[in-house]
């Protein structure tokens, strides 16, 4: 009797664990997140210093939003693949170049 209760408890535990939503370990993107934060700080600094016009800053912020959306899409299935991460990093590099260009073009 005790043995059957033990198996029943194990079975119920297995069912409960299988039905629980799991936090996917492959969905963590700390490097991408840090890069995004750094770029957003650079945009804010450009606005504060006057190196970026409101229009330039708005365009750069739209680019950052695009990267955030790419990251959210990649995380949606619980795993960020290497290809997805590379695609996000490529877009971040494009945004980085845009930030540099806009901050140093002397437009006000």
C-alpha atoms as a PDB file:
ATOM      1  CA  UNK A   1       0.000   0.000   0.000  1.00  0.00           C
ATOM      2  CA  UNK A   2       2.728   2.437   0.876  1.00  0.00           C
ATOM      3  CA  UNK A   3       4.556   1.626  -2.351  1.00  0.00           C
ATOM      4  CA  UNK A   4       1.490   2.428  -4.463  1.00  0.00           C
ATOM      5  CA  UNK A   5       0.987   5.712  -2.611  1.00  0.00           C
ATOM      6  CA  UNK A   6       4.629   6.566  -3.268  1.00  0.00           C
ATOM      7  CA  UNK A   7       4.217   5.939  -7.013  1.00  0.00           C
ATOM      8  CA  UNK A   8       0.975   7.914  -7.028  1.00  0.00           C
ATOM      9  CA  UNK A   9       2.745  10.854  -5.376  1.00  0.00           C
ATOM     10  CA  UNK A  10       5.596  10.628  -7.885  1.00  0.00           C
ATOM     11  CA  UNK A  11       3.133  10.522 -10.767  1.00  0.00           C
ATOM     12  CA  UNK A  12       1.210  13.530  -9.510  1.00  0.00           C
ATOM     13  CA  UNK A  13       4.453  15.440  -8.977  1.00  0.00           C
ATOM     14  CA  UNK A  14       5.574  14.624 -12.513  1.00  0.00           C
ATOM     15  CA  UNK A  15       2.251  15.829 -13.919  1.00  0.00           C
ATOM     16  CA  UNK A  16       2.408  19.018 -11.875  1.00  0.00           C
ATOM     17  CA  UNK A  17       5.959  19.747 -13.009  1.00  0.00           C
ATOM     18  CA  UNK A  18       5.113  19.037 -16.643  1.00  0.00           C
ATOM     19  CA  UNK A  19       2.216  21.482 -16.573  1.00  0.00           C
ATOM     20  CA  UNK A  20       4.179  24.322 -14.934  1.00  0.00           C
ATOM     21  CA  UNK A  21       5.556  27.076 -17.143  1.00  0.00           C
ATOM     22  CA  UNK A  22       9.323  26.998 -17.016  1.00  0.00           C
ATOM     23  CA  UNK A  23      11.673  29.915 -17.258  1.00  0.00           C
ATOM     24  CA  UNK A  24      13.794  29.112 -20.259  1.00  0.00           C
ATOM     25  CA  UNK A  25      17.472  29.211 -19.485  1.00  0.00           C
ATOM     26  CA  UNK A  26      18.295  29.936 -23.122  1.00  0.00           C
ATOM     27  CA  UNK A  27      16.258  33.151 -23.131  1.00  0.00           C
ATOM     28  CA  UNK A  28      18.712  35.175 -21.069  1.00  0.00           C
ATOM     29  CA  UNK A  29      20.500  37.886 -23.043  1.00  0.00           C
ATOM     30  CA  UNK A  30      22.581  39.909 -20.581  1.00  0.00           C
ATOM     31  CA  UNK A  31      25.154  41.064 -23.153  1.00  0.00           C
ATOM     32  CA  UNK A  32      22.476  42.280 -25.548  1.00  0.00           C
ATOM     33  CA  UNK A  33      20.633  43.973 -22.675  1.00  0.00           C
ATOM     34  CA  UNK A  34      23.798  45.733 -21.482  1.00  0.00           C
ATOM     35  CA  UNK A  35      24.611  46.890 -25.009  1.00  0.00           C
ATOM     36  CA  UNK A  36      21.087  48.284 -25.361  1.00  0.00           C
ATOM     37  CA  UNK A  37      21.383  50.126 -22.058  1.00  0.00           C
ATOM     38  CA  UNK A  38      24.726  51.629 -23.097  1.00  0.00           C
ATOM     39  CA  UNK A  39      23.352  52.802 -26.427  1.00  0.00           C
ATOM     40  CA  UNK A  40      20.296  54.341 -24.782  1.00  0.00           C
ATOM     41  CA  UNK A  41      22.570  56.216 -22.354  1.00  0.00           C
ATOM     42  CA  UNK A  42      24.602  57.530 -25.303  1.00  0.00           C
ATOM     43  CA  UNK A  43      21.434  58.769 -27.011  1.00  0.00           C
ATOM     44  CA  UNK A  44      20.296  60.463 -23.791  1.00  0.00           C
ATOM     45  CA  UNK A  45      23.729  62.061 -23.382  1.00  0.00           C
ATOM     46  CA  UNK A  46      23.589  63.310 -26.975  1.00  0.00           C
ATOM     47  CA  UNK A  47      20.208  64.893 -26.345  1.00  0.00           C
ATOM     48  CA  UNK A  48      21.412  66.503 -23.128  1.00  0.00           C
ATOM     49  CA  UNK A  49      24.576  67.896 -24.706  1.00  0.00           C
ATOM     50  CA  UNK A  50      22.783  69.168 -27.790  1.00  0.00           C
ATOM     51  CA  UNK A  51      24.776  66.933 -30.142  1.00  0.00           C
ATOM     52  CA  UNK A  52      21.531  65.245 -31.181  1.00  0.00           C
ATOM     53  CA  UNK A  53      18.515  67.149 -32.418  1.00  0.00           C
ATOM     54  CA  UNK A  54      15.066  66.013 -31.346  1.00  0.00           C
ATOM     55  CA  UNK A  55      14.541  64.481 -34.787  1.00  0.00           C
ATOM     56  CA  UNK A  56      17.867  62.619 -34.735  1.00  0.00           C
ATOM     57  CA  UNK A  57      17.202  61.349 -31.222  1.00  0.00           C
ATOM     58  CA  UNK A  58      13.713  60.183 -32.217  1.00  0.00           C
ATOM     59  CA  UNK A  59      15.128  58.217 -35.157  1.00  0.00           C
ATOM     60  CA  UNK A  60      17.818  56.639 -32.994  1.00  0.00           C
ATOM     61  CA  UNK A  61      15.264  55.746 -30.322  1.00  0.00           C
ATOM     62  CA  UNK A  62      13.100  54.134 -33.015  1.00  0.00           C
ATOM     63  CA  UNK A  63      16.125  52.037 -33.971  1.00  0.00           C
ATOM     64  CA  UNK A  64      16.564  50.993 -30.362  1.00  0.00           C
ATOM     65  CA  UNK A  65      12.891  50.037 -30.247  1.00  0.00           C
ATOM     66  CA  UNK A  66      13.437  47.865 -33.315  1.00  0.00           C
ATOM     67  CA  UNK A  67      16.250  46.010 -31.546  1.00  0.00           C
ATOM     68  CA  UNK A  68      14.079  45.588 -28.437  1.00  0.00           C
ATOM     69  CA  UNK A  69      11.326  44.115 -30.619  1.00  0.00           C
ATOM     70  CA  UNK A  70      13.781  41.716 -32.255  1.00  0.00           C
ATOM     71  CA  UNK A  71      14.918  40.578 -28.819  1.00  0.00           C
ATOM     72  CA  UNK A  72      11.338  40.100 -27.606  1.00  0.00           C
ATOM     73  CA  UNK A  73      10.497  38.074 -30.701  1.00  0.00           C
ATOM     74  CA  UNK A  74      13.579  35.921 -30.202  1.00  0.00           C
ATOM     75  CA  UNK A  75      12.685  35.307 -26.549  1.00  0.00           C
ATOM     76  CA  UNK A  76       9.023  34.542 -27.294  1.00  0.00           C
ATOM     77  CA  UNK A  77       9.585  30.816 -27.769  1.00  0.00           C
ATOM     78  CA  UNK A  78      11.740  30.590 -24.642  1.00  0.00           C
ATOM     79  CA  UNK A  79      15.094  30.219 -26.384  1.00  0.00           C
ATOM     80  CA  UNK A  80      17.294  32.699 -28.170  1.00  0.00           C
ATOM     81  CA  UNK A  81      19.183  30.781 -30.837  1.00  0.00           C
ATOM     82  CA  UNK A  82      22.680  31.684 -31.947  1.00  0.00           C
ATOM     83  CA  UNK A  83      21.283  32.903 -35.261  1.00  0.00           C
ATOM     84  CA  UNK A  84      18.737  35.128 -33.503  1.00  0.00           C
ATOM     85  CA  UNK A  85      21.396  36.514 -31.172  1.00  0.00           C
ATOM     86  CA  UNK A  86      23.687  37.203 -34.123  1.00  0.00           C
ATOM     87  CA  UNK A  87      20.892  38.985 -35.976  1.00  0.00           C
ATOM     88  CA  UNK A  88      20.226  41.164 -32.927  1.00  0.00           C
ATOM     89  CA  UNK A  89      23.945  41.934 -32.513  1.00  0.00           C
ATOM     90  CA  UNK A  90      24.188  42.886 -36.195  1.00  0.00           C
ATOM     91  CA  UNK A  91      21.301  45.319 -35.798  1.00  0.00           C
ATOM     92  CA  UNK A  92      22.895  46.719 -32.635  1.00  0.00           C
ATOM     93  CA  UNK A  93      26.101  47.368 -34.576  1.00  0.00           C
ATOM     94  CA  UNK A  94      24.104  49.257 -37.211  1.00  0.00           C
ATOM     95  CA  UNK A  95      22.474  51.315 -34.477  1.00  0.00           C
ATOM     96  CA  UNK A  96      25.888  51.970 -32.925  1.00  0.00           C
ATOM     97  CA  UNK A  97      27.194  53.356 -36.220  1.00  0.00           C
ATOM     98  CA  UNK A  98      24.101  55.531 -36.572  1.00  0.00           C
ATOM     99  CA  UNK A  99      24.557  56.930 -33.066  1.00  0.00           C
ATOM    100  CA  UNK A 100      28.196  57.764 -33.773  1.00  0.00           C
ATOM    101  CA  UNK A 101      27.350  59.380 -37.111  1.00  0.00           C
ATOM    102  CA  UNK A 102      24.495  61.465 -35.734  1.00  0.00           C
ATOM    103  CA  UNK A 103      26.388  62.626 -32.657  1.00  0.00           C
ATOM    104  CA  UNK A 104      29.344  63.792 -34.739  1.00  0.00           C
ATOM    105  CA  UNK A 105      27.641  65.332 -37.788  1.00  0.00           C
ATOM    106  CA  UNK A 106      27.441  68.786 -36.177  1.00  0.00           C
ATOM    107  CA  UNK A 107      23.753  69.169 -37.023  1.00  0.00           C
ATOM    108  CA  UNK A 108      21.720  70.983 -34.447  1.00  0.00           C
END
